[in-house]
Amino acid sequence: MTAEEGWRRLSVRVVWLDLIRVVISLATGYLGIVVSDEPVWALVAGACGGLLTALLDLRRWQTTRYRITPERVEMRTGWLSRKHRTVGRDRIRSVDSSARLLQRLLGLRTVHIGSGETESSFKLDALDHRHATLVQHELMPGSSSAVIAGAAPDADGAAPAPERPAETVIARFHRSWIPLNVVSVWAVFAIAGPLFGLNWLLRALGVDLPELGRDLIGWDGRGPVANIALVLLIAYPLGVIATTVAFLLENGNFQLARTGTAPDTALVTRRGLLNTRTVQRTDSRMRGIAVDEPLVWRWLRLARTKVLSSGLGAAAGEATGGDILPRIRLAEAHRLAARILPDGARPLEAALTRHPRGALTRRLGAAVYGPALVSAAMLVFTLTGVLPGWWWLLPLALIPAAIPLAVVAYRSLGHAVDGAYLVVRRGIRHRRTVALQRRAVIGWTVQQSIFQRWGGRMTVGVATAAGERHYESPDMSEEQALTFITKATPDLAAAFVLDDYAEKSGSPDRAATVSANHS
């Protein structure tokens, strides 16, 4: 087989897709001209943009080629400006696929091949469903380079699809998830965007939507407070409906499964009703798991689950946020986390060590002296006549609310070493519990402010190649910090600890302040 014979092309159905776009654009432009006495320029501009996009897409289909070899994946495209992208198979971090509504109707999918770097990541837009599945199977964990190299290609230059690997379903869409994800105090704003777009379209046709709404609800017959209450009463149910529709469109038919045979396994997430998306995460690159509990959700015992994987970056449409489940009950998140982790561990349920009382004192102090300092600064402006005489008291009104929040922030702190994982938890507005594999730790940072030094506390940071790359646990005692580091990574701790405990009255009193990286 010569080098040229290995190249494949995008599906010819892309041409059909672009012809449909051309027809829609021409119909939109026609309506923009004949629907009123004067042209509706917004519709005409949209039609011209759609027509130009379709023509450029036809040229892209004509000039794009790709191939998969045992060593690398390549794509070349372009007409006036040629571009050739290459990524080694060992550098591939994700192979995801998605399909918009029109693509699904024509049996097309877009495959995103991510390397963690923008320069070498790319997408194949679009392949027919069979070839998209083939590409994912060829590049998934455990695929054999020898099989791919030796298989006889079909008419499009692609090797026969390998046998579909066995799957173990971890979670499926459940109706109880709907109210947990759509009922929110912010749901009233979900209707604002659609209404704004509808008003923009109707205004081009000579219809004033706000004026029509005022007439329908009798705006001029009531006071402003009653009008605002009525608008919220109408908008909130509509917002919940809009949020529900959006959630179902994005997460309908959700399925999380583990595919492959150990040790070459991966997590595969499928979701979406109209626009579908399939995300594949290799187990060999998974380094841990985390649950996020924003403040309002915390009282409802709700959480969002994320996986920590190494080597992923925000490039070429990769699914790098780490979200693997919608918002669910915290107990259910803990139960599913044990199935998501390849080793079946349950580190998120480990008993955490509470941080010293000095951490609470620090937060209570900030809750009091923060508003007090702002109030004192405003008092200076009040005495000079710049501000009214009572404004300087406003920051002091925050103290009764800030003190309980300081207690909540302290109670959120915790850390532990549980088997093969270390666990850290922190946050008030957004509490996060992170369970990271001990082998994934590549460095530590230990910091002390002058106030922490006086109180014998320090902030410990964990450096890793996974997730957000750095996780902190503030205000540990010095003894807790060194015990945590030494227990989590004994070899790494021995490499950078500079001082032993200095004993005073027979008890450990101080520890070294260090900053070290190791890889």
Protein backbone atom coordinates (compact mmCIF):
# COMPACT_ATOMS: atom_id res chain seq x y z
CA MET A 1 0.00 0.00 0.00
CA THR A 2 1.45 3.40 -0.97
CA ALA A 3 1.30 6.49 1.25
CA GLU A 4 -1.51 8.00 -0.79
CA GLU A 5 -3.64 4.86 -0.67
CA GLY A 6 -3.94 5.14 3.11
CA TRP A 7 -5.81 8.46 3.01
CA ARG A 8 -9.56 8.53 3.66
CA ARG A 9 -12.05 11.33 3.07
CA LEU A 10 -15.08 12.71 4.84
CA SER A 11 -18.51 11.29 4.07
CA VAL A 12 -20.15 12.39 0.82
CA ARG A 13 -23.30 13.01 2.88
CA VAL A 14 -21.67 16.30 3.92
CA VAL A 15 -22.63 17.50 0.43
CA TRP A 16 -26.27 16.65 1.11
CA LEU A 17 -26.06 18.45 4.44
CA ASP A 18 -24.72 21.58 2.79
CA LEU A 19 -27.40 21.46 0.08
CA ILE A 20 -30.03 21.45 2.83
CA ARG A 21 -28.30 24.47 4.40
CA VAL A 22 -28.34 26.24 1.04
CA VAL A 23 -32.10 25.62 0.65
CA ILE A 24 -32.80 26.86 4.18
CA SER A 25 -30.67 29.97 3.60
CA LEU A 26 -32.39 30.79 0.32
CA ALA A 27 -35.82 30.31 1.93
CA THR A 28 -34.84 32.58 4.83
CA GLY A 29 -33.55 35.25 2.47
CA TYR A 30 -36.73 35.08 0.40
CA LEU A 31 -38.88 35.56 3.51
CA GLY A 32 -36.71 38.49 4.55
CA ILE A 33 -37.49 40.21 1.25
CA VAL A 34 -41.20 39.47 0.76
CA VAL A 35 -42.58 39.31 4.32
CA SER A 36 -42.87 43.11 4.60
CA ASP A 37 -42.76 46.23 2.45
CA GLU A 38 -39.10 46.80 3.34
CA PRO A 39 -36.48 44.02 3.46
CA VAL A 40 -35.85 42.46 6.87
CA TRP A 41 -32.10 42.89 6.80
CA ALA A 42 -31.50 40.60 9.77
CA LEU A 43 -33.03 37.67 7.88
CA VAL A 44 -31.23 38.61 4.67
CA ALA A 45 -27.86 38.86 6.49
CA GLY A 46 -28.46 35.51 8.19
CA ALA A 47 -29.32 33.91 4.83
CA CYS A 48 -26.15 35.27 3.23
CA GLY A 49 -24.07 34.02 6.13
CA GLY A 50 -25.63 30.56 5.94
CA LEU A 51 -25.12 30.40 2.18
CA LEU A 52 -21.45 31.38 2.47
CA THR A 53 -20.88 28.85 5.27
CA ALA A 54 -22.41 26.06 3.20
CA LEU A 55 -20.23 26.87 0.18
CA LEU A 56 -17.08 26.98 2.30
CA ASP A 57 -18.07 23.67 3.89
CA LEU A 58 -18.33 22.08 0.45
CA ARG A 59 -14.80 23.22 -0.30
CA ARG A 60 -13.64 21.81 3.07
CA TRP A 61 -15.15 18.42 2.21
CA GLN A 62 -13.42 18.46 -1.16
CA THR A 63 -9.94 19.18 0.28
CA THR A 64 -9.94 17.25 3.59
CA ARG A 65 -8.22 13.87 3.92
CA TYR A 66 -7.19 11.85 6.98
CA ARG A 67 -5.47 8.57 7.74
CA ILE A 68 -4.71 6.35 10.72
CA THR A 69 -1.46 4.41 10.86
CA PRO A 70 0.01 2.23 13.62
CA GLU A 71 2.11 5.21 14.77
CA ARG A 72 0.00 8.34 14.21
CA VAL A 73 -3.20 10.02 13.03
CA GLU A 74 -2.96 12.67 10.30
CA MET A 75 -5.32 15.18 8.71
CA ARG A 76 -4.63 17.52 5.83
CA THR A 77 -7.02 20.18 4.64
CA GLY A 78 -7.11 23.51 2.89
CA TRP A 79 -7.12 24.87 -0.64
CA LEU A 80 -5.22 28.16 -0.82
CA SER A 81 -3.67 27.61 2.60
CA ARG A 82 -2.81 23.95 3.14
CA LYS A 83 -2.63 22.56 6.68
CA HIS A 84 -1.27 19.16 7.75
CA ARG A 85 -1.81 18.05 11.35
CA THR A 86 -0.21 14.98 12.90
CA VAL A 87 -0.62 13.48 16.36
CA GLY A 88 1.13 10.32 17.59
CA ARG A 89 -1.20 7.58 18.78
CA ASP A 90 0.59 7.51 22.14
CA ARG A 91 -0.23 11.25 22.55
CA ILE A 92 -3.98 10.88 22.00
CA ARG A 93 -5.85 11.73 25.20
CA SER A 94 -9.49 11.66 24.04
CA VAL A 95 -11.56 10.46 21.09
CA ASP A 96 -15.06 11.91 21.38
CA SER A 97 -17.92 12.17 18.92
CA SER A 98 -20.94 14.45 18.58
CA ALA A 99 -23.82 14.99 16.19
CA ARG A 100 -26.11 17.97 15.66
CA LEU A 101 -29.72 17.48 14.63
CA LEU A 102 -29.22 17.69 10.86
CA GLN A 103 -26.16 15.46 11.11
CA ARG A 104 -28.16 12.83 13.01
CA LEU A 105 -30.90 12.88 10.37
CA LEU A 106 -28.27 12.13 7.72
CA GLY A 107 -26.39 9.56 9.83
CA LEU A 108 -23.32 11.77 10.34
CA ARG A 109 -21.07 12.38 13.35
CA THR A 110 -18.15 14.67 14.15
CA VAL A 111 -15.14 12.95 15.76
CA HIS A 112 -12.91 15.04 18.04
CA ILE A 113 -9.34 13.72 18.42
CA GLY A 114 -7.61 15.45 21.32
CA SER A 115 -3.98 15.38 22.37
CA GLY A 116 -4.22 17.97 25.14
CA GLU A 117 -2.62 20.57 22.82
CA THR A 118 -4.43 22.90 20.44
CA GLU A 119 -1.81 22.62 17.70
CA SER A 120 -2.11 18.86 17.25
CA SER A 121 -5.77 18.32 18.17
CA PHE A 122 -8.40 18.33 15.43
CA LYS A 123 -11.87 17.15 14.47
CA LEU A 124 -13.20 15.15 11.55
CA ASP A 125 -16.42 16.92 10.53
CA ALA A 126 -18.22 14.83 9.42
CA LEU A 127 -18.04 11.04 9.04
CA ASP A 128 -20.91 8.67 8.55
CA HIS A 129 -21.92 6.80 11.68
CA ARG A 130 -20.12 3.57 10.72
CA HIS A 131 -16.79 5.25 10.02
CA ALA A 132 -17.06 7.45 13.13
CA THR A 133 -17.54 4.32 15.24
CA LEU A 134 -14.63 2.69 13.41
CA VAL A 135 -12.29 5.60 14.19
CA GLN A 136 -13.26 5.50 17.86
CA HIS A 137 -12.69 1.74 17.99
CA GLU A 138 -9.34 2.02 16.21
CA LEU A 139 -8.07 4.63 18.65
CA MET A 140 -9.63 3.36 21.86
CA PRO A 141 -7.55 1.59 24.57
CA GLY A 142 -6.53 -1.92 23.67
CA SER A 143 -6.87 -1.53 19.90
CA SER A 144 -4.13 -3.42 18.14
CA SER A 145 -1.84 -1.50 15.82
CA ALA A 146 -0.95 -4.74 14.08
CA VAL A 147 -4.57 -5.50 13.32
CA ILE A 148 -5.13 -2.02 11.92
CA ALA A 149 -2.01 -2.19 9.81
CA GLY A 150 -2.76 -5.64 8.41
CA ALA A 151 -6.51 -5.43 7.82
CA ALA A 152 -7.79 -5.04 4.28
CA PRO A 153 -9.37 -1.60 3.78
CA ASP A 154 -12.86 -1.10 2.43
CA ALA A 155 -13.89 1.14 -0.46
CA ASP A 156 -13.29 4.28 1.62
CA GLY A 157 -9.84 3.18 2.75
CA ALA A 158 -10.94 2.15 6.25
CA ALA A 159 -10.18 -1.15 7.95
CA PRO A 160 -13.09 -3.36 9.00
CA ALA A 161 -14.55 -2.35 12.33
CA PRO A 162 -13.23 -4.40 15.26
CA GLU A 163 -15.59 -6.36 17.43
CA ARG A 164 -17.49 -4.13 19.86
CA PRO A 165 -15.91 -4.54 23.32
CA ALA A 166 -17.95 -5.61 26.32
CA GLU A 167 -19.55 -2.83 28.37
CA THR A 168 -20.60 -2.59 32.00
CA VAL A 169 -23.26 0.06 32.57
CA ILE A 170 -22.57 2.21 35.65
CA ALA A 171 -25.42 4.72 35.47
CA ARG A 172 -28.39 5.55 33.24
CA PHE A 173 -30.67 8.57 33.01
CA HIS A 174 -33.23 8.63 35.82
CA ARG A 175 -36.34 10.77 35.98
CA SER A 176 -35.55 11.79 39.57
CA TRP A 177 -32.58 13.77 38.21
CA ILE A 178 -34.87 16.26 36.43
CA PRO A 179 -36.10 18.31 39.43
CA LEU A 180 -32.63 18.19 41.00
CA ASN A 181 -31.17 19.95 37.94
CA VAL A 182 -33.91 22.31 36.79
CA VAL A 183 -35.45 23.77 39.95
CA SER A 184 -33.33 26.77 40.87
CA VAL A 185 -33.73 30.34 42.08
CA TRP A 186 -32.08 31.36 38.79
CA ALA A 187 -34.62 29.56 36.62
CA VAL A 188 -36.47 32.86 36.11
CA PHE A 189 -33.54 34.09 34.00
CA ALA A 190 -33.63 31.04 31.72
CA ILE A 191 -36.51 32.56 29.79
CA ALA A 192 -34.72 35.90 29.30
CA GLY A 193 -32.51 34.73 26.42
CA PRO A 194 -35.30 33.17 24.31
CA LEU A 195 -37.53 36.21 24.88
CA PHE A 196 -34.73 38.56 23.83
CA GLY A 197 -34.17 36.58 20.62
CA LEU A 198 -37.91 36.45 19.89
CA ASN A 199 -38.21 40.20 20.48
CA TRP A 200 -35.28 40.85 18.13
CA LEU A 201 -36.94 38.80 15.39
CA LEU A 202 -40.45 40.26 15.88
CA ARG A 203 -39.13 43.82 16.01
CA ALA A 204 -37.72 43.31 12.51
CA LEU A 205 -41.29 42.38 11.50
CA GLY A 206 -42.75 45.46 13.17
CA VAL A 207 -44.03 43.80 16.37
CA ASP A 208 -43.11 45.32 19.75
CA LEU A 209 -43.07 42.36 22.14
CA PRO A 210 -42.55 44.38 25.39
CA GLU A 211 -45.47 46.65 24.54
CA LEU A 212 -47.63 43.64 23.72
CA GLY A 213 -46.72 42.06 27.07
CA ARG A 214 -47.57 45.21 29.01
CA ASP A 215 -50.99 45.32 27.40
CA LEU A 216 -51.67 41.64 28.16
CA ILE A 217 -50.89 41.87 31.89
CA GLY A 218 -52.31 45.36 32.38
CA TRP A 219 -49.01 46.91 33.43
CA ASP A 220 -50.34 50.45 33.78
CA GLY A 221 -53.15 49.44 36.13
CA ARG A 222 -50.91 48.35 39.04
CA GLY A 223 -47.98 49.63 41.06
CA PRO A 224 -44.34 48.66 40.33
CA VAL A 225 -44.09 46.13 43.19
CA ALA A 226 -47.24 44.30 42.08
CA ASN A 227 -46.07 44.34 38.45
CA ILE A 228 -42.66 42.88 39.36
CA ALA A 229 -44.31 40.18 41.48
CA LEU A 230 -46.66 39.30 38.63
CA VAL A 231 -43.81 39.13 36.11
CA LEU A 232 -41.83 36.80 38.41
CA LEU A 233 -44.93 34.68 38.99
CA ILE A 234 -45.30 34.22 35.22
CA ALA A 235 -41.61 34.01 34.34
CA TYR A 236 -40.54 31.47 36.95
CA PRO A 237 -42.69 28.54 35.70
CA LEU A 238 -41.72 29.40 32.12
CA GLY A 239 -38.06 29.44 33.20
CA VAL A 240 -38.40 26.04 34.85
CA ILE A 241 -39.98 24.67 31.67
CA ALA A 242 -37.19 26.14 29.54
CA THR A 243 -34.54 24.71 31.90
CA THR A 244 -36.23 21.31 31.83
CA VAL A 245 -36.27 21.25 28.04
CA ALA A 246 -32.61 22.27 27.90
CA PHE A 247 -31.63 19.61 30.47
CA LEU A 248 -33.51 16.87 28.61
CA LEU A 249 -32.00 17.88 25.28
CA GLU A 250 -28.50 17.79 26.74
CA ASN A 251 -28.78 14.76 29.05
CA GLY A 252 -31.56 12.63 27.57
CA ASN A 253 -30.59 8.99 26.97
CA PHE A 254 -27.64 9.50 29.34
CA GLN A 255 -25.52 6.41 29.88
CA LEU A 256 -22.21 5.95 31.67
CA ALA A 257 -20.45 2.65 31.02
CA ARG A 258 -17.04 1.03 31.33
CA THR A 259 -15.85 -0.59 28.12
CA GLY A 260 -12.92 -2.82 27.21
CA THR A 261 -11.06 -5.59 28.98
CA ALA A 262 -8.70 -4.92 31.87
CA PRO A 263 -6.21 -3.33 31.89
CA ASP A 264 -7.25 -1.54 28.67
CA THR A 265 -10.57 -0.08 29.80
CA ALA A 266 -12.27 3.29 29.46
CA LEU A 267 -15.30 5.20 30.71
CA VAL A 268 -17.74 6.08 27.93
CA THR A 269 -20.42 8.73 28.44
CA ARG A 270 -23.30 9.06 25.96
CA ARG A 271 -25.92 11.78 26.22
CA GLY A 272 -28.24 13.99 24.21
CA LEU A 273 -31.60 13.81 22.43
CA LEU A 274 -31.30 16.05 19.36
CA ASN A 275 -27.57 16.77 19.51
CA THR A 276 -25.77 13.70 20.83
CA ARG A 277 -22.29 13.43 22.32
CA THR A 278 -20.08 10.47 23.21
CA VAL A 279 -17.07 11.08 25.46
CA GLN A 280 -14.40 8.47 26.12
CA ARG A 281 -12.01 8.68 29.10
CA THR A 282 -9.20 6.14 29.38
CA ASP A 283 -8.96 4.48 32.80
CA SER A 284 -5.16 4.38 32.55
CA ARG A 285 -5.15 8.19 32.70
CA MET A 286 -7.65 8.50 35.55
CA ARG A 287 -6.03 9.85 38.70
CA GLY A 288 -8.95 10.43 41.03
CA ILE A 289 -12.42 11.85 41.52
CA ALA A 290 -14.02 14.93 43.05
CA VAL A 291 -17.46 16.07 44.16
CA ASP A 292 -18.53 19.72 44.11
CA GLU A 293 -21.16 21.02 46.51
CA PRO A 294 -22.11 24.69 45.95
CA LEU A 295 -23.51 26.38 49.04
CA VAL A 296 -27.20 26.26 48.08
CA TRP A 297 -27.00 22.63 46.94
CA ARG A 298 -25.17 21.62 50.14
CA TRP A 299 -28.25 22.02 52.31
CA LEU A 300 -30.12 19.80 49.83
CA ARG A 301 -27.32 17.20 49.89
CA LEU A 302 -26.72 17.54 46.14
CA ALA A 303 -23.40 17.29 44.32
CA ARG A 304 -21.79 17.21 40.88
CA THR A 305 -19.17 14.55 40.19
CA LYS A 306 -15.93 15.11 38.27
CA VAL A 307 -13.16 12.72 37.29
CA LEU A 308 -9.51 13.77 37.42
CA SER A 309 -7.62 12.64 34.32
CA SER A 310 -4.08 13.46 33.26
CA GLY A 311 -2.98 14.94 29.97
CA LEU A 312 -6.21 16.69 28.96
CA GLY A 313 -6.31 20.29 27.77
CA ALA A 314 -8.89 22.69 26.41
CA ALA A 315 -8.28 21.99 22.74
CA ALA A 316 -10.26 21.18 19.63
CA GLY A 317 -13.55 20.51 21.34
CA GLU A 318 -12.23 18.07 23.91
CA ALA A 319 -14.49 17.34 26.87
CA THR A 320 -12.01 18.44 29.50
CA GLY A 321 -14.21 19.84 32.23
CA GLY A 322 -14.30 16.45 33.96
CA ASP A 323 -18.05 16.47 34.66
CA ILE A 324 -19.17 12.87 34.36
CA LEU A 325 -22.61 12.92 36.03
CA PRO A 326 -25.40 15.51 36.25
CA ARG A 327 -26.32 16.96 39.64
CA ILE A 328 -27.44 14.07 41.86
CA ARG A 329 -27.85 13.22 45.54
CA LEU A 330 -24.58 13.20 47.46
CA ALA A 331 -25.13 9.64 48.73
CA GLU A 332 -25.73 8.45 45.17
CA ALA A 333 -22.62 10.31 43.99
CA HIS A 334 -20.53 8.50 46.62
CA ARG A 335 -22.01 5.15 45.62
CA LEU A 336 -21.36 5.69 41.91
CA ALA A 337 -17.86 7.03 42.58
CA ALA A 338 -16.84 3.58 43.83
CA ARG A 339 -17.89 2.13 40.46
CA ILE A 340 -16.33 4.95 38.44
CA LEU A 341 -12.89 4.48 39.99
CA PRO A 342 -11.17 1.50 38.32
CA ASP A 343 -10.01 0.03 41.65
CA GLY A 344 -13.44 0.28 43.31
CA ALA A 345 -12.09 2.36 46.23
CA ARG A 346 -14.33 4.69 48.27
CA PRO A 347 -12.01 7.54 49.31
CA LEU A 348 -14.77 10.17 49.23
CA GLU A 349 -16.32 8.50 52.28
CA ALA A 350 -13.10 8.57 54.34
CA ALA A 351 -13.19 10.23 57.78
CA LEU A 352 -11.41 13.60 57.46
CA THR A 353 -9.08 15.17 59.99
CA ARG A 354 -10.39 18.51 61.23
CA HIS A 355 -8.06 21.50 61.07
CA PRO A 356 -6.96 23.31 64.26
CA ARG A 357 -9.03 25.91 66.09
CA GLY A 358 -6.72 28.62 64.83
CA ALA A 359 -8.26 28.15 61.38
CA LEU A 360 -11.67 28.99 62.85
CA THR A 361 -10.27 32.01 64.70
CA ARG A 362 -8.73 33.31 61.49
CA ARG A 363 -12.03 33.08 59.61
CA LEU A 364 -14.05 34.63 62.42
CA GLY A 365 -11.57 37.47 62.57
CA ALA A 366 -11.84 38.08 58.83
CA ALA A 367 -15.64 38.05 59.11
CA VAL A 368 -15.47 40.85 61.70
CA TYR A 369 -12.50 43.03 60.78
CA GLY A 370 -13.17 42.89 57.02
CA PRO A 371 -16.50 44.78 57.22
CA ALA A 372 -15.09 46.89 60.06
CA LEU A 373 -12.19 48.14 57.93
CA VAL A 374 -14.52 48.96 55.03
CA SER A 375 -16.81 50.78 57.46
CA ALA A 376 -13.87 52.77 58.86
CA ALA A 377 -12.77 53.78 55.36
CA MET A 378 -16.30 54.92 54.51
CA LEU A 379 -16.45 56.87 57.79
CA VAL A 380 -13.50 58.96 56.59
CA PHE A 381 -15.46 59.91 53.45
CA THR A 382 -18.53 60.58 55.60
CA LEU A 383 -16.62 63.01 57.84
CA THR A 384 -15.40 64.87 54.76
CA GLY A 385 -18.95 65.16 53.44
CA VAL A 386 -18.46 62.94 50.38
CA LEU A 387 -20.93 60.26 51.58
CA PRO A 388 -24.25 60.62 53.46
CA GLY A 389 -24.03 60.38 57.23
CA TRP A 390 -25.34 56.82 57.62
CA TRP A 391 -23.69 54.95 54.73
CA TRP A 392 -20.62 53.99 56.76
CA LEU A 393 -22.82 51.70 58.87
CA LEU A 394 -23.83 49.52 55.91
CA PRO A 395 -20.72 47.21 55.94
CA LEU A 396 -21.31 46.49 59.64
CA ALA A 397 -24.68 44.97 58.72
CA LEU A 398 -22.77 42.18 56.94
CA ILE A 399 -21.16 40.89 60.15
CA PRO A 400 -24.19 38.87 61.39
CA ALA A 401 -24.23 37.00 58.06
CA ALA A 402 -20.42 36.73 57.74
CA ILE A 403 -19.89 35.01 61.11
CA PRO A 404 -22.05 31.92 60.31
CA LEU A 405 -20.37 31.71 56.90
CA ALA A 406 -16.98 31.74 58.61
CA VAL A 407 -18.06 28.78 60.74
CA VAL A 408 -19.26 26.95 57.61
CA ALA A 409 -15.91 27.66 55.91
CA TYR A 410 -14.04 26.18 58.87
CA ARG A 411 -16.24 23.09 59.01
CA SER A 412 -15.56 22.54 55.29
CA LEU A 413 -11.82 22.08 55.92
CA GLY A 414 -10.49 18.54 56.16
CA HIS A 415 -7.88 16.09 54.88
CA ALA A 416 -7.05 12.39 55.05
CA VAL A 417 -4.93 9.62 53.55
CA ASP A 418 -7.12 6.65 52.69
CA GLY A 419 -5.37 3.66 51.15
CA ALA A 420 -4.04 4.60 47.71
CA TYR A 421 -5.67 8.06 47.83
CA LEU A 422 -5.19 11.36 49.58
CA VAL A 423 -8.30 13.44 50.23
CA VAL A 424 -8.58 17.22 50.71
CA ARG A 425 -11.71 19.31 51.22
CA ARG A 426 -12.21 23.06 51.36
CA GLY A 427 -14.53 25.86 50.23
CA ILE A 428 -17.52 27.81 51.46
CA ARG A 429 -19.41 29.09 48.43
CA HIS A 430 -18.18 26.10 46.45
CA ARG A 431 -17.05 23.19 48.64
CA ARG A 432 -14.99 20.57 46.83
CA THR A 433 -13.81 17.18 48.08
CA VAL A 434 -10.93 15.83 45.99
CA ALA A 435 -9.68 12.24 46.15
CA LEU A 436 -6.35 11.96 44.31
CA GLN A 437 -4.22 8.87 43.83
CA ARG A 438 -1.03 9.13 45.86
CA ARG A 439 1.02 8.02 42.84
CA ALA A 440 -0.33 11.03 40.92
CA VAL A 441 1.37 13.53 43.26
CA ILE A 442 4.34 15.13 41.50
CA GLY A 443 5.13 17.85 44.02
CA TRP A 444 4.19 19.74 47.17
CA THR A 445 4.05 23.41 48.08
CA VAL A 446 3.98 24.44 51.73
CA GLN A 447 3.32 28.10 52.51
CA GLN A 448 3.05 30.16 55.67
CA SER A 449 1.87 33.72 55.94
CA ILE A 450 3.13 35.75 58.89
CA PHE A 451 -0.18 35.19 60.71
CA GLN A 452 -0.06 31.45 60.02
CA ARG A 453 3.50 31.36 61.34
CA TRP A 454 2.41 32.97 64.60
CA GLY A 455 -0.39 30.41 64.93
CA GLY A 456 1.67 27.38 63.90
CA ARG A 457 -0.38 26.70 60.77
CA MET A 458 0.44 26.28 57.07
CA THR A 459 -1.22 25.83 53.69
CA VAL A 460 -0.34 22.62 51.87
CA GLY A 461 -0.63 22.45 48.07
CA VAL A 462 -0.64 19.24 46.03
CA ALA A 463 0.83 19.41 42.52
CA THR A 464 -0.38 16.85 39.97
CA ALA A 465 -0.76 16.44 36.22
CA ALA A 466 -4.48 15.69 36.54
CA GLY A 467 -7.58 17.84 36.90
CA GLU A 468 -6.81 21.44 37.88
CA ARG A 469 -3.12 20.58 38.41
CA HIS A 470 -2.99 22.05 41.92
CA TYR A 471 -5.14 21.50 45.00
CA GLU A 472 -4.74 23.24 48.34
CA SER A 473 -5.64 22.48 51.93
CA PRO A 474 -5.28 25.69 53.99
CA ASP A 475 -4.56 26.15 57.68
CA MET A 476 -3.29 22.72 58.69
CA SER A 477 -1.25 22.63 61.87
CA GLU A 478 2.47 22.14 61.25
CA GLU A 479 2.31 18.64 62.70
CA GLN A 480 -0.74 17.76 60.56
CA ALA A 481 0.98 19.06 57.42
CA LEU A 482 4.16 17.03 57.82
CA THR A 483 2.22 13.93 58.85
CA PHE A 484 -0.06 14.29 55.82
CA ILE A 485 2.82 14.76 53.37
CA THR A 486 4.92 11.96 54.84
CA LYS A 487 2.04 9.49 54.93
CA ALA A 488 0.85 10.33 51.41
CA THR A 489 4.27 10.24 49.67
CA PRO A 490 7.00 8.91 51.98
CA ASP A 491 9.72 8.88 49.32
CA LEU A 492 8.94 12.36 48.03
CA ALA A 493 8.68 13.74 51.58
CA ALA A 494 12.12 12.36 52.46
CA ALA A 495 13.56 14.16 49.43
CA PHE A 496 12.59 17.68 50.45
CA VAL A 497 11.94 17.91 54.21
CA LEU A 498 14.70 20.21 55.43
CA ASP A 499 14.30 20.19 59.20
CA ASP A 500 13.10 17.70 61.74
CA TYR A 501 10.67 18.60 64.45
CA ALA A 502 12.17 20.89 67.06
CA GLU A 503 10.95 19.70 70.39
CA LYS A 504 9.90 22.01 73.13
CA SER A 505 8.76 20.59 76.45
CA GLY A 506 8.85 17.15 74.89
CA SER A 507 6.32 18.02 72.13
CA PRO A 508 6.78 18.88 68.45
CA ASP A 509 6.71 22.67 68.14
CA ARG A 510 7.80 23.69 64.65
CA ALA A 511 8.28 22.31 61.22
CA ALA A 512 10.17 23.42 58.17
CA THR A 513 8.52 25.66 55.63
CA VAL A 514 9.35 24.20 52.25
CA SER A 515 8.52 24.54 48.61
CA ALA A 516 9.56 21.67 46.37
CA ASN A 517 8.64 20.05 43.09
CA HIS A 518 9.46 16.55 41.99
CA SER A 519 8.62 14.67 38.82
